[in-house]
Amino acid sequence: MGKSVPTCPDLCILCPNPPQDRGSPDLAPSDFHLFGPLKRHLGGMAFETEDDLISELRNWFDNLDVDFFRVGINSLLSRWQKCIDIHGDYVEK
């Protein structure tokens, strides 16, 4: 049986009013939550074809625990608040 992964509507219920500047590099959740673990997982691997890479990525995502996504989504709240507190500046002064 498949795992339950939060969907976009689920996320909107959790965080109905994210900051307006969704393009802010300070708010890219994938940079701090997804790509680090993925980079560690893929480190040292080599793929002969794009299909081999896609298969490995699917396998990795399929085996992630739902809490992996929940932690990443929940940590957005503090990142959003920090961005609001510094008025969207990318560098704290």
PDB file of N, CA and C in Angstrom:
ATOM      1  N   MET A   1       0.849  -1.184   0.000  1.00  0.00           N
ATOM      2  CA  MET A   1       0.000   0.000   0.000  1.00  0.00           C
ATOM      3  C   MET A   1       0.892   1.243   0.000  1.00  0.00           C
ATOM      4  N   GLY A   2       0.540   2.277  -0.803  1.00  0.00           N
ATOM      5  CA  GLY A   2       1.337   3.493  -0.928  1.00  0.00           C
ATOM      6  C   GLY A   2       1.276   4.355   0.319  1.00  0.00           C
ATOM      7  N   LYS A   3       2.285   5.188   0.434  1.00  0.00           N
ATOM      8  CA  LYS A   3       2.350   6.104   1.567  1.00  0.00           C
ATOM      9  C   LYS A   3       1.560   7.359   1.261  1.00  0.00           C
ATOM     10  N   SER A   4       1.029   7.974   2.278  1.00  0.00           N
ATOM     11  CA  SER A   4       0.274   9.205   2.117  1.00  0.00           C
ATOM     12  C   SER A   4       1.223  10.393   2.160  1.00  0.00           C
ATOM     13  N   VAL A   5       1.358  11.080   1.027  1.00  0.00           N
ATOM     14  CA  VAL A   5       2.218  12.257   0.938  1.00  0.00           C
ATOM     15  C   VAL A   5       1.321  13.478   0.844  1.00  0.00           C
ATOM     16  N   PRO A   6       1.623  14.540   1.598  1.00  0.00           N
ATOM     17  CA  PRO A   6       0.788  15.741   1.547  1.00  0.00           C
ATOM     18  C   PRO A   6       0.680  16.291   0.131  1.00  0.00           C
ATOM     19  N   THR A   7      -0.510  16.763  -0.210  1.00  0.00           N
ATOM     20  CA  THR A   7      -0.747  17.359  -1.515  1.00  0.00           C
ATOM     21  C   THR A   7      -0.794  18.871  -1.377  1.00  0.00           C
ATOM     22  N   CYS A   8      -0.839  19.571  -2.504  1.00  0.00           N
ATOM     23  CA  CYS A   8      -0.913  21.039  -2.461  1.00  0.00           C
ATOM     24  C   CYS A   8      -2.084  21.534  -1.603  1.00  0.00           C
ATOM     25  N   PRO A   9      -3.297  20.995  -1.760  1.00  0.00           N
ATOM     26  CA  PRO A   9      -4.384  21.461  -0.880  1.00  0.00           C
ATOM     27  C   PRO A   9      -4.079  21.242   0.598  1.00  0.00           C
ATOM     28  N   ASP A  10      -3.386  20.124   0.922  1.00  0.00           N
ATOM     29  CA  ASP A  10      -3.000  19.886   2.315  1.00  0.00           C
ATOM     30  C   ASP A  10      -2.075  20.989   2.802  1.00  0.00           C
ATOM     31  N   LEU A  11      -1.148  21.385   1.945  1.00  0.00           N
ATOM     32  CA  LEU A  11      -0.185  22.409   2.322  1.00  0.00           C
ATOM     33  C   LEU A  11      -0.866  23.753   2.523  1.00  0.00           C
ATOM     34  N   CYS A  12      -1.866  24.050   1.702  1.00  0.00           N
ATOM     35  CA  CYS A  12      -2.579  25.319   1.832  1.00  0.00           C
ATOM     36  C   CYS A  12      -3.344  25.377   3.141  1.00  0.00           C
ATOM     37  N   ILE A  13      -3.786  24.241   3.629  1.00  0.00           N
ATOM     38  CA  ILE A  13      -4.470  24.204   4.923  1.00  0.00           C
ATOM     39  C   ILE A  13      -3.454  24.463   6.032  1.00  0.00           C
ATOM     40  N   LEU A  14      -2.261  23.860   5.904  1.00  0.00           N
ATOM     41  CA  LEU A  14      -1.222  24.058   6.917  1.00  0.00           C
ATOM     42  C   LEU A  14      -0.709  25.490   6.936  1.00  0.00           C
ATOM     43  N   CYS A  15      -0.529  26.080   5.774  1.00  0.00           N
ATOM     44  CA  CYS A  15       0.070  27.413   5.640  1.00  0.00           C
ATOM     45  C   CYS A  15      -0.746  28.220   4.635  1.00  0.00           C
ATOM     46  N   PRO A  16      -1.924  28.713   5.027  1.00  0.00           N
ATOM     47  CA  PRO A  16      -2.800  29.372   4.063  1.00  0.00           C
ATOM     48  C   PRO A  16      -2.280  30.702   3.540  1.00  0.00           C
ATOM     49  N   ASN A  17      -1.389  31.385   4.253  1.00  0.00           N
ATOM     50  CA  ASN A  17      -0.936  32.710   3.831  1.00  0.00           C
ATOM     51  C   ASN A  17       0.574  32.836   3.849  1.00  0.00           C
ATOM     52  N   PRO A  18       1.260  32.142   2.912  1.00  0.00           N
ATOM     53  CA  PRO A  18       2.718  32.289   2.885  1.00  0.00           C
ATOM     54  C   PRO A  18       3.096  33.691   2.438  1.00  0.00           C
ATOM     55  N   PRO A  19       4.336  34.100   2.656  1.00  0.00           N
ATOM     56  CA  PRO A  19       4.768  35.423   2.209  1.00  0.00           C
ATOM     57  C   PRO A  19       4.526  35.590   0.715  1.00  0.00           C
ATOM     58  N   GLN A  20       4.294  36.818   0.301  1.00  0.00           N
ATOM     59  CA  GLN A  20       3.954  37.083  -1.085  1.00  0.00           C
ATOM     60  C   GLN A  20       5.112  36.823  -2.042  1.00  0.00           C
ATOM     61  N   ASP A  21       6.337  37.026  -1.607  1.00  0.00           N
ATOM     62  CA  ASP A  21       7.474  36.857  -2.489  1.00  0.00           C
ATOM     63  C   ASP A  21       7.897  35.401  -2.536  1.00  0.00           C
ATOM     64  N   ARG A  22       7.161  34.598  -3.293  1.00  0.00           N
ATOM     65  CA  ARG A  22       7.475  33.176  -3.375  1.00  0.00           C
ATOM     66  C   ARG A  22       8.741  32.926  -4.182  1.00  0.00           C
ATOM     67  N   GLY A  23       9.259  33.957  -4.874  1.00  0.00           N
ATOM     68  CA  GLY A  23      10.466  33.795  -5.644  1.00  0.00           C
ATOM     69  C   GLY A  23      11.723  34.068  -4.849  1.00  0.00           C
ATOM     70  N   SER A  24      11.574  34.414  -3.597  1.00  0.00           N
ATOM     71  CA  SER A  24      12.734  34.732  -2.765  1.00  0.00           C
ATOM     72  C   SER A  24      13.625  33.506  -2.618  1.00  0.00           C
ATOM     73  N   PRO A  25      14.931  33.652  -2.889  1.00  0.00           N
ATOM     74  CA  PRO A  25      15.814  32.502  -2.695  1.00  0.00           C
ATOM     75  C   PRO A  25      15.900  32.081  -1.228  1.00  0.00           C
ATOM     76  N   ASP A  26      15.525  32.971  -0.320  1.00  0.00           N
ATOM     77  CA  ASP A  26      15.534  32.615   1.090  1.00  0.00           C
ATOM     78  C   ASP A  26      14.430  31.627   1.432  1.00  0.00           C
ATOM     79  N   LEU A  27      13.459  31.476   0.542  1.00  0.00           N
ATOM     80  CA  LEU A  27      12.300  30.654   0.845  1.00  0.00           C
ATOM     81  C   LEU A  27      12.233  29.383   0.015  1.00  0.00           C
ATOM     82  N   ALA A  28      13.304  29.009  -0.652  1.00  0.00           N
ATOM     83  CA  ALA A  28      13.282  27.805  -1.476  1.00  0.00           C
ATOM     84  C   ALA A  28      13.434  26.567  -0.592  1.00  0.00           C
ATOM     85  N   PRO A  29      12.327  25.874  -0.296  1.00  0.00           N
ATOM     86  CA  PRO A  29      12.405  24.729   0.613  1.00  0.00           C
ATOM     87  C   PRO A  29      13.274  23.608   0.074  1.00  0.00           C
ATOM     88  N   SER A  30      13.341  23.477  -1.236  1.00  0.00           N
ATOM     89  CA  SER A  30      14.118  22.382  -1.797  1.00  0.00           C
ATOM     90  C   SER A  30      15.600  22.546  -1.515  1.00  0.00           C
ATOM     91  N   ASP A  31      16.080  23.782  -1.395  1.00  0.00           N
ATOM     92  CA  ASP A  31      17.504  24.005  -1.179  1.00  0.00           C
ATOM     93  C   ASP A  31      17.976  23.424   0.141  1.00  0.00           C
ATOM     94  N   PHE A  32      17.176  23.535   1.171  1.00  0.00           N
ATOM     95  CA  PHE A  32      17.667  23.107   2.471  1.00  0.00           C
ATOM     96  C   PHE A  32      17.108  21.768   2.911  1.00  0.00           C
ATOM     97  N   HIS A  33      16.040  21.311   2.310  1.00  0.00           N
ATOM     98  CA  HIS A  33      15.441  20.086   2.820  1.00  0.00           C
ATOM     99  C   HIS A  33      15.533  18.913   1.849  1.00  0.00           C
ATOM    100  N   LEU A  34      15.361  19.154   0.592  1.00  0.00           N
ATOM    101  CA  LEU A  34      15.304  18.050  -0.364  1.00  0.00           C
ATOM    102  C   LEU A  34      16.663  17.719  -0.962  1.00  0.00           C
ATOM    103  N   PHE A  35      17.362  18.722  -1.461  1.00  0.00           N
ATOM    104  CA  PHE A  35      18.546  18.438  -2.251  1.00  0.00           C
ATOM    105  C   PHE A  35      19.734  17.946  -1.441  1.00  0.00           C
ATOM    106  N   GLY A  36      19.859  18.350  -0.183  1.00  0.00           N
ATOM    107  CA  GLY A  36      20.956  17.834   0.644  1.00  0.00           C
ATOM    108  C   GLY A  36      20.880  16.322   0.796  1.00  0.00           C
ATOM    109  N   PRO A  37      19.757  15.791   1.298  1.00  0.00           N
ATOM    110  CA  PRO A  37      19.639  14.335   1.425  1.00  0.00           C
ATOM    111  C   PRO A  37      19.720  13.611   0.074  1.00  0.00           C
ATOM    112  N   LEU A  38      19.152  14.224  -0.960  1.00  0.00           N
ATOM    113  CA  LEU A  38      19.208  13.592  -2.277  1.00  0.00           C
ATOM    114  C   LEU A  38      20.646  13.553  -2.790  1.00  0.00           C
ATOM    115  N   LYS A  39      21.377  14.629  -2.596  1.00  0.00           N
ATOM    116  CA  LYS A  39      22.780  14.678  -3.021  1.00  0.00           C
ATOM    117  C   LYS A  39      23.594  13.615  -2.279  1.00  0.00           C
ATOM    118  N   ARG A  40      23.356  13.475  -0.984  1.00  0.00           N
ATOM    119  CA  ARG A  40      24.070  12.444  -0.215  1.00  0.00           C
ATOM    120  C   ARG A  40      23.711  11.046  -0.722  1.00  0.00           C
ATOM    121  N   HIS A  41      22.445  10.832  -1.044  1.00  0.00           N
ATOM    122  CA  HIS A  41      22.014   9.524  -1.537  1.00  0.00           C
ATOM    123  C   HIS A  41      22.666   9.193  -2.877  1.00  0.00           C
ATOM    124  N   LEU A  42      22.714  10.161  -3.767  1.00  0.00           N
ATOM    125  CA  LEU A  42      23.233   9.914  -5.112  1.00  0.00           C
ATOM    126  C   LEU A  42      24.766  10.006  -5.189  1.00  0.00           C
ATOM    127  N   GLY A  43      25.388  10.501  -4.128  1.00  0.00           N
ATOM    128  CA  GLY A  43      26.837  10.685  -4.142  1.00  0.00           C
ATOM    129  C   GLY A  43      27.587   9.420  -4.518  1.00  0.00           C
ATOM    130  N   GLY A  44      28.458   9.534  -5.502  1.00  0.00           N
ATOM    131  CA  GLY A  44      29.267   8.408  -5.929  1.00  0.00           C
ATOM    132  C   GLY A  44      28.596   7.477  -6.916  1.00  0.00           C
ATOM    133  N   MET A  45      27.306   7.653  -7.166  1.00  0.00           N
ATOM    134  CA  MET A  45      26.609   6.803  -8.131  1.00  0.00           C
ATOM    135  C   MET A  45      26.856   7.316  -9.552  1.00  0.00           C
ATOM    136  N   ALA A  46      26.816   6.398 -10.484  1.00  0.00           N
ATOM    137  CA  ALA A  46      26.912   6.752 -11.900  1.00  0.00           C
ATOM    138  C   ALA A  46      25.776   6.043 -12.631  1.00  0.00           C
ATOM    139  N   PHE A  47      25.209   6.712 -13.610  1.00  0.00           N
ATOM    140  CA  PHE A  47      24.073   6.156 -14.333  1.00  0.00           C
ATOM    141  C   PHE A  47      24.400   6.104 -15.820  1.00  0.00           C
ATOM    142  N   GLU A  48      24.110   4.981 -16.415  1.00  0.00           N
ATOM    143  CA  GLU A  48      24.404   4.821 -17.837  1.00  0.00           C
ATOM    144  C   GLU A  48      23.374   5.516 -18.701  1.00  0.00           C
ATOM    145  N   THR A  49      22.143   5.578 -18.219  1.00  0.00           N
ATOM    146  CA  THR A  49      21.089   6.210 -19.012  1.00  0.00           C
ATOM    147  C   THR A  49      20.262   7.127 -18.128  1.00  0.00           C
ATOM    148  N   GLU A  50      19.547   8.022 -18.767  1.00  0.00           N
ATOM    149  CA  GLU A  50      18.632   8.896 -18.035  1.00  0.00           C
ATOM    150  C   GLU A  50      17.554   8.074 -17.350  1.00  0.00           C
ATOM    151  N   ASP A  51      17.117   6.998 -17.999  1.00  0.00           N
ATOM    152  CA  ASP A  51      16.103   6.125 -17.397  1.00  0.00           C
ATOM    153  C   ASP A  51      16.606   5.489 -16.107  1.00  0.00           C
ATOM    154  N   ASP A  52      17.892   5.157 -16.057  1.00  0.00           N
ATOM    155  CA  ASP A  52      18.462   4.600 -14.824  1.00  0.00           C
ATOM    156  C   ASP A  52      18.410   5.624 -13.692  1.00  0.00           C
ATOM    157  N   LEU A  53      18.732   6.863 -14.011  1.00  0.00           N
ATOM    158  CA  LEU A  53      18.664   7.939 -13.014  1.00  0.00           C
ATOM    159  C   LEU A  53      17.231   8.142 -12.541  1.00  0.00           C
ATOM    160  N   ILE A  54      16.311   8.206 -13.489  1.00  0.00           N
ATOM    161  CA  ILE A  54      14.896   8.395 -13.141  1.00  0.00           C
ATOM    162  C   ILE A  54      14.407   7.252 -12.257  1.00  0.00           C
ATOM    163  N   SER A  55      14.808   6.044 -12.568  1.00  0.00           N
ATOM    164  CA  SER A  55      14.409   4.889 -11.759  1.00  0.00           C
ATOM    165  C   SER A  55      14.936   5.008 -10.336  1.00  0.00           C
ATOM    166  N   GLU A  56      16.201   5.422 -10.197  1.00  0.00           N
ATOM    167  CA  GLU A  56      16.778   5.586  -8.860  1.00  0.00           C
ATOM    168  C   GLU A  56      16.082   6.694  -8.085  1.00  0.00           C
ATOM    169  N   LEU A  57      15.771   7.803  -8.765  1.00  0.00           N
ATOM    170  CA  LEU A  57      15.058   8.900  -8.109  1.00  0.00           C
ATOM    171  C   LEU A  57      13.680   8.459  -7.640  1.00  0.00           C
ATOM    172  N   ARG A  58      12.971   7.743  -8.483  1.00  0.00           N
ATOM    173  CA  ARG A  58      11.642   7.250  -8.090  1.00  0.00           C
ATOM    174  C   ARG A  58      11.743   6.323  -6.889  1.00  0.00           C
ATOM    175  N   ASN A  59      12.729   5.455  -6.909  1.00  0.00           N
ATOM    176  CA  ASN A  59      12.930   4.539  -5.799  1.00  0.00           C
ATOM    177  C   ASN A  59      13.219   5.306  -4.510  1.00  0.00           C
ATOM    178  N   TRP A  60      14.088   6.326  -4.605  1.00  0.00           N
ATOM    179  CA  TRP A  60      14.427   7.129  -3.431  1.00  0.00           C
ATOM    180  C   TRP A  60      13.194   7.819  -2.869  1.00  0.00           C
ATOM    181  N   PHE A  61      12.424   8.482  -3.737  1.00  0.00           N
ATOM    182  CA  PHE A  61      11.217   9.178  -3.280  1.00  0.00           C
ATOM    183  C   PHE A  61      10.192   8.203  -2.715  1.00  0.00           C
ATOM    184  N   ASP A  62      10.024   7.058  -3.369  1.00  0.00           N
ATOM    185  CA  ASP A  62       9.041   6.073  -2.891  1.00  0.00           C
ATOM    186  C   ASP A  62       9.385   5.549  -1.501  1.00  0.00           C
ATOM    187  N   ASN A  63      10.654   5.536  -1.158  1.00  0.00           N
ATOM    188  CA  ASN A  63      11.072   4.993   0.135  1.00  0.00           C
ATOM    189  C   ASN A  63      11.217   6.035   1.236  1.00  0.00           C
ATOM    190  N   LEU A  64      10.962   7.292   0.909  1.00  0.00           N
ATOM    191  CA  LEU A  64      11.012   8.322   1.947  1.00  0.00           C
ATOM    192  C   LEU A  64       9.796   8.202   2.858  1.00  0.00           C
ATOM    193  N   ASP A  65      10.018   8.415   4.121  1.00  0.00           N
ATOM    194  CA  ASP A  65       8.938   8.411   5.094  1.00  0.00           C
ATOM    195  C   ASP A  65       8.138   9.711   4.959  1.00  0.00           C
ATOM    196  N   VAL A  66       6.861   9.648   5.215  1.00  0.00           N
ATOM    197  CA  VAL A  66       5.995  10.825   5.149  1.00  0.00           C
ATOM    198  C   VAL A  66       6.539  11.941   6.042  1.00  0.00           C
ATOM    199  N   ASP A  67       7.148  11.580   7.154  1.00  0.00           N
ATOM    200  CA  ASP A  67       7.691  12.597   8.066  1.00  0.00           C
ATOM    201  C   ASP A  67       8.791  13.430   7.416  1.00  0.00           C
ATOM    202  N   PHE A  68       9.507  12.869   6.439  1.00  0.00           N
ATOM    203  CA  PHE A  68      10.519  13.642   5.728  1.00  0.00           C
ATOM    204  C   PHE A  68       9.885  14.888   5.114  1.00  0.00           C
ATOM    205  N   PHE A  69       8.743  14.709   4.477  1.00  0.00           N
ATOM    206  CA  PHE A  69       8.050  15.831   3.845  1.00  0.00           C
ATOM    207  C   PHE A  69       7.421  16.745   4.894  1.00  0.00           C
ATOM    208  N   ARG A  70       6.876  16.152   5.940  1.00  0.00           N
ATOM    209  CA  ARG A  70       6.235  16.932   6.994  1.00  0.00           C
ATOM    210  C   ARG A  70       7.243  17.868   7.673  1.00  0.00           C
ATOM    211  N   VAL A  71       8.424  17.357   7.963  1.00  0.00           N
ATOM    212  CA  VAL A  71       9.467  18.175   8.594  1.00  0.00           C
ATOM    213  C   VAL A  71       9.850  19.341   7.682  1.00  0.00           C
ATOM    214  N   GLY A  72      10.034  19.064   6.404  1.00  0.00           N
ATOM    215  CA  GLY A  72      10.390  20.119   5.464  1.00  0.00           C
ATOM    216  C   GLY A  72       9.327  21.186   5.348  1.00  0.00           C
ATOM    217  N   ILE A  73       8.081  20.765   5.301  1.00  0.00           N
ATOM    218  CA  ILE A  73       6.969  21.714   5.190  1.00  0.00           C
ATOM    219  C   ILE A  73       6.846  22.529   6.472  1.00  0.00           C
ATOM    220  N   ASN A  74       6.928  21.865   7.611  1.00  0.00           N
ATOM    221  CA  ASN A  74       6.795  22.576   8.881  1.00  0.00           C
ATOM    222  C   ASN A  74       7.936  23.566   9.108  1.00  0.00           C
ATOM    223  N   SER A  75       9.128  23.264   8.611  1.00  0.00           N
ATOM    224  CA  SER A  75      10.241  24.180   8.812  1.00  0.00           C
ATOM    225  C   SER A  75      10.101  25.441   7.972  1.00  0.00           C
ATOM    226  N   LEU A  76       9.215  25.406   6.978  1.00  0.00           N
ATOM    227  CA  LEU A  76       8.977  26.618   6.185  1.00  0.00           C
ATOM    228  C   LEU A  76       8.421  27.746   7.033  1.00  0.00           C
ATOM    229  N   LEU A  77       7.640  27.409   8.032  1.00  0.00           N
ATOM    230  CA  LEU A  77       7.018  28.446   8.853  1.00  0.00           C
ATOM    231  C   LEU A  77       8.065  29.364   9.480  1.00  0.00           C
ATOM    232  N   SER A  78       9.114  28.787  10.048  1.00  0.00           N
ATOM    233  CA  SER A  78      10.147  29.628  10.668  1.00  0.00           C
ATOM    234  C   SER A  78      10.937  30.383   9.612  1.00  0.00           C
ATOM    235  N   ARG A  79      11.160  29.785   8.460  1.00  0.00           N
ATOM    236  CA  ARG A  79      11.872  30.488   7.384  1.00  0.00           C
ATOM    237  C   ARG A  79      11.053  31.664   6.877  1.00  0.00           C
ATOM    238  N   TRP A  80       9.742  31.450   6.709  1.00  0.00           N
ATOM    239  CA  TRP A  80       8.877  32.549   6.269  1.00  0.00           C
ATOM    240  C   TRP A  80       8.903  33.677   7.292  1.00  0.00           C
ATOM    241  N   GLN A  81       8.811  33.310   8.573  1.00  0.00           N
ATOM    242  CA  GLN A  81       8.799  34.331   9.610  1.00  0.00           C
ATOM    243  C   GLN A  81      10.100  35.125   9.612  1.00  0.00           C
ATOM    244  N   LYS A  82      11.217  34.434   9.431  1.00  0.00           N
ATOM    245  CA  LYS A  82      12.505  35.122   9.382  1.00  0.00           C
ATOM    246  C   LYS A  82      12.542  36.108   8.217  1.00  0.00           C
ATOM    247  N   CYS A  83      12.044  35.704   7.067  1.00  0.00           N
ATOM    248  CA  CYS A  83      12.014  36.586   5.897  1.00  0.00           C
ATOM    249  C   CYS A  83      11.127  37.801   6.167  1.00  0.00           C
ATOM    250  N   ILE A  84      10.003  37.586   6.823  1.00  0.00           N
ATOM    251  CA  ILE A  84       9.100  38.689   7.172  1.00  0.00           C
ATOM    252  C   ILE A  84       9.788  39.624   8.167  1.00  0.00           C
ATOM    253  N   ASP A  85      10.448  39.039   9.164  1.00  0.00           N
ATOM    254  CA  ASP A  85      11.102  39.847  10.198  1.00  0.00           C
ATOM    255  C   ASP A  85      12.207  40.740   9.640  1.00  0.00           C
ATOM    256  N   ILE A  86      12.902  40.285   8.597  1.00  0.00           N
ATOM    257  CA  ILE A  86      13.973  41.102   8.019  1.00  0.00           C
ATOM    258  C   ILE A  86      13.484  41.835   6.769  1.00  0.00           C
ATOM    259  N   HIS A  87      12.164  41.909   6.621  1.00  0.00           N
ATOM    260  CA  HIS A  87      11.513  42.673   5.543  1.00  0.00           C
ATOM    261  C   HIS A  87      11.984  42.245   4.168  1.00  0.00           C
ATOM    262  N   GLY A  88      12.212  40.962   3.991  1.00  0.00           N
ATOM    263  CA  GLY A  88      12.581  40.427   2.690  1.00  0.00           C
ATOM    264  C   GLY A  88      14.004  40.637   2.272  1.00  0.00           C
ATOM    265  N   ASP A  89      14.811  41.294   3.120  1.00  0.00           N
ATOM    266  CA  ASP A  89      16.226  41.449   2.779  1.00  0.00           C
ATOM    267  C   ASP A  89      16.880  40.074   2.730  1.00  0.00           C
ATOM    268  N   TYR A  90      17.757  39.867   1.786  1.00  0.00           N
ATOM    269  CA  TYR A  90      18.399  38.583   1.651  1.00  0.00           C
ATOM    270  C   TYR A  90      19.582  38.432   2.597  1.00  0.00           C
ATOM    271  N   VAL A  91      20.097  39.554   3.096  1.00  0.00           N
ATOM    272  CA  VAL A  91      21.230  39.528   4.014  1.00  0.00           C
ATOM    273  C   VAL A  91      20.843  40.300   5.252  1.00  0.00           C
ATOM    274  N   GLU A  92      20.986  39.680   6.405  1.00  0.00           N
ATOM    275  CA  GLU A  92      20.688  40.398   7.637  1.00  0.00           C
ATOM    276  C   GLU A  92      21.770  41.432   7.865  1.00  0.00           C
ATOM    277  N   LYS A  93      21.364  42.610   8.322  1.00  0.00           N
ATOM    278  CA  LYS A  93      22.304  43.707   8.557  1.00  0.00           C
ATOM    279  C   LYS A  93      22.620  43.823  10.025  1.00  0.00           C
TER     280      LYS A  93
END
